[in-house]
């Protein structure tokens, strides 16, 4: 999937993972009870990004992103310094 957004400098464009709709014990959660996940998949990287690449799953600081919706897809723009970890 290519993204309509090309990040600049040390920015990363990512798509947030879907919130879980069911608990481990099988209880379904209503929309207003779901937590926003802090896990996303990288879709594009700026030219100065050194530690992540397209396709990586990242954990990021929850309140340090810019969110926008284009063609029904919600994208996040995150500074590389606000990425806390990658997930294997």
Protein backbone atom coordinates (compact mmCIF):
# COMPACT_ATOMS: atom_id res chain seq x y z
CA UNK A 1 0.00 0.00 0.00
CA UNK A 2 1.50 3.31 -1.01
CA UNK A 3 0.63 6.38 0.97
CA UNK A 4 -0.48 9.75 -0.42
CA UNK A 5 1.73 11.40 2.22
CA UNK A 6 5.48 11.83 1.84
CA UNK A 7 7.02 12.73 5.22
CA UNK A 8 9.82 15.28 5.48
CA UNK A 9 13.07 15.15 7.48
CA UNK A 10 12.77 12.88 10.55
CA UNK A 11 9.04 12.16 10.27
CA UNK A 12 7.38 8.77 9.81
CA UNK A 13 3.91 8.07 8.39
CA UNK A 14 2.17 5.10 10.01
CA UNK A 15 -1.25 3.48 10.24
CA UNK A 16 -2.51 2.60 13.71
CA UNK A 17 -3.38 -1.03 14.41
CA UNK A 18 -7.05 -1.81 14.92
CA UNK A 19 -8.30 -1.64 18.49
CA UNK A 20 -9.20 -4.99 19.97
CA UNK A 21 -12.91 -5.74 19.82
CA UNK A 22 -12.80 -8.65 22.22
CA UNK A 23 -11.06 -9.29 25.53
CA UNK A 24 -8.89 -12.36 26.19
CA UNK A 25 -11.84 -13.95 28.00
CA UNK A 26 -14.14 -13.46 24.99
CA UNK A 27 -16.14 -10.39 26.04
CA UNK A 28 -16.91 -8.03 23.16
CA UNK A 29 -16.09 -4.37 23.78
CA UNK A 30 -18.31 -1.47 22.66
CA UNK A 31 -16.62 1.23 20.56
CA UNK A 32 -16.46 3.73 23.42
CA UNK A 33 -14.64 1.24 25.70
CA UNK A 34 -11.80 0.53 23.28
CA UNK A 35 -8.42 2.07 24.04
CA UNK A 36 -6.48 3.66 21.21
CA UNK A 37 -3.54 1.38 20.55
CA UNK A 38 -0.04 2.83 20.52
CA UNK A 39 1.10 0.28 17.96
CA UNK A 40 1.27 1.19 14.28
CA UNK A 41 2.79 0.00 11.02
CA UNK A 42 5.20 2.32 9.19
CA UNK A 43 4.01 3.19 5.68
CA UNK A 44 6.55 5.90 4.69
CA UNK A 45 9.70 7.47 6.14
CA UNK A 46 11.41 10.84 5.70
CA UNK A 47 14.93 11.12 4.30
CA UNK A 48 16.54 11.71 7.72
CA UNK A 49 14.99 8.68 9.46
CA UNK A 50 17.68 6.20 10.46
CA UNK A 51 16.20 3.60 12.82
CA UNK A 52 12.93 2.43 11.24
CA UNK A 53 11.89 1.35 7.78
CA UNK A 54 8.66 0.79 5.87
CA UNK A 55 6.79 -2.24 7.22
CA UNK A 56 8.16 -1.99 10.78
CA UNK A 57 5.68 -2.12 13.65
CA UNK A 58 6.35 0.70 16.10
CA UNK A 59 5.30 1.78 19.58
CA UNK A 60 5.02 5.57 19.83
CA UNK A 61 4.22 8.26 22.36
CA UNK A 62 0.45 8.51 22.37
CA UNK A 63 0.02 12.31 22.47
CA UNK A 64 2.84 13.34 20.19
CA UNK A 65 1.35 12.48 16.80
CA UNK A 66 -0.48 14.36 14.09
CA UNK A 67 -3.53 12.43 12.90
CA UNK A 68 -5.28 12.87 9.56
CA UNK A 69 -7.73 10.91 7.47
CA UNK A 70 -7.33 10.58 3.71
CA UNK A 71 -9.60 8.41 1.54
CA UNK A 72 -10.97 6.61 4.60
CA UNK A 73 -7.55 5.68 6.03
CA UNK A 74 -6.33 7.26 9.27
CA UNK A 75 -2.65 8.15 9.10
CA UNK A 76 -0.30 9.21 11.89
CA UNK A 77 2.71 11.45 11.41
CA UNK A 78 5.28 10.78 14.12
CA UNK A 79 8.72 12.27 14.77
CA UNK A 80 11.41 9.61 14.87
CA UNK A 81 12.38 10.73 18.39
CA UNK A 82 8.80 9.97 19.57
CA UNK A 83 9.08 6.31 18.49
CA UNK A 84 9.78 4.30 21.62
CA UNK A 85 10.42 0.84 20.15
CA UNK A 86 9.91 -1.51 17.25
CA UNK A 87 8.05 -4.79 17.62
CA UNK A 88 9.38 -8.02 16.13
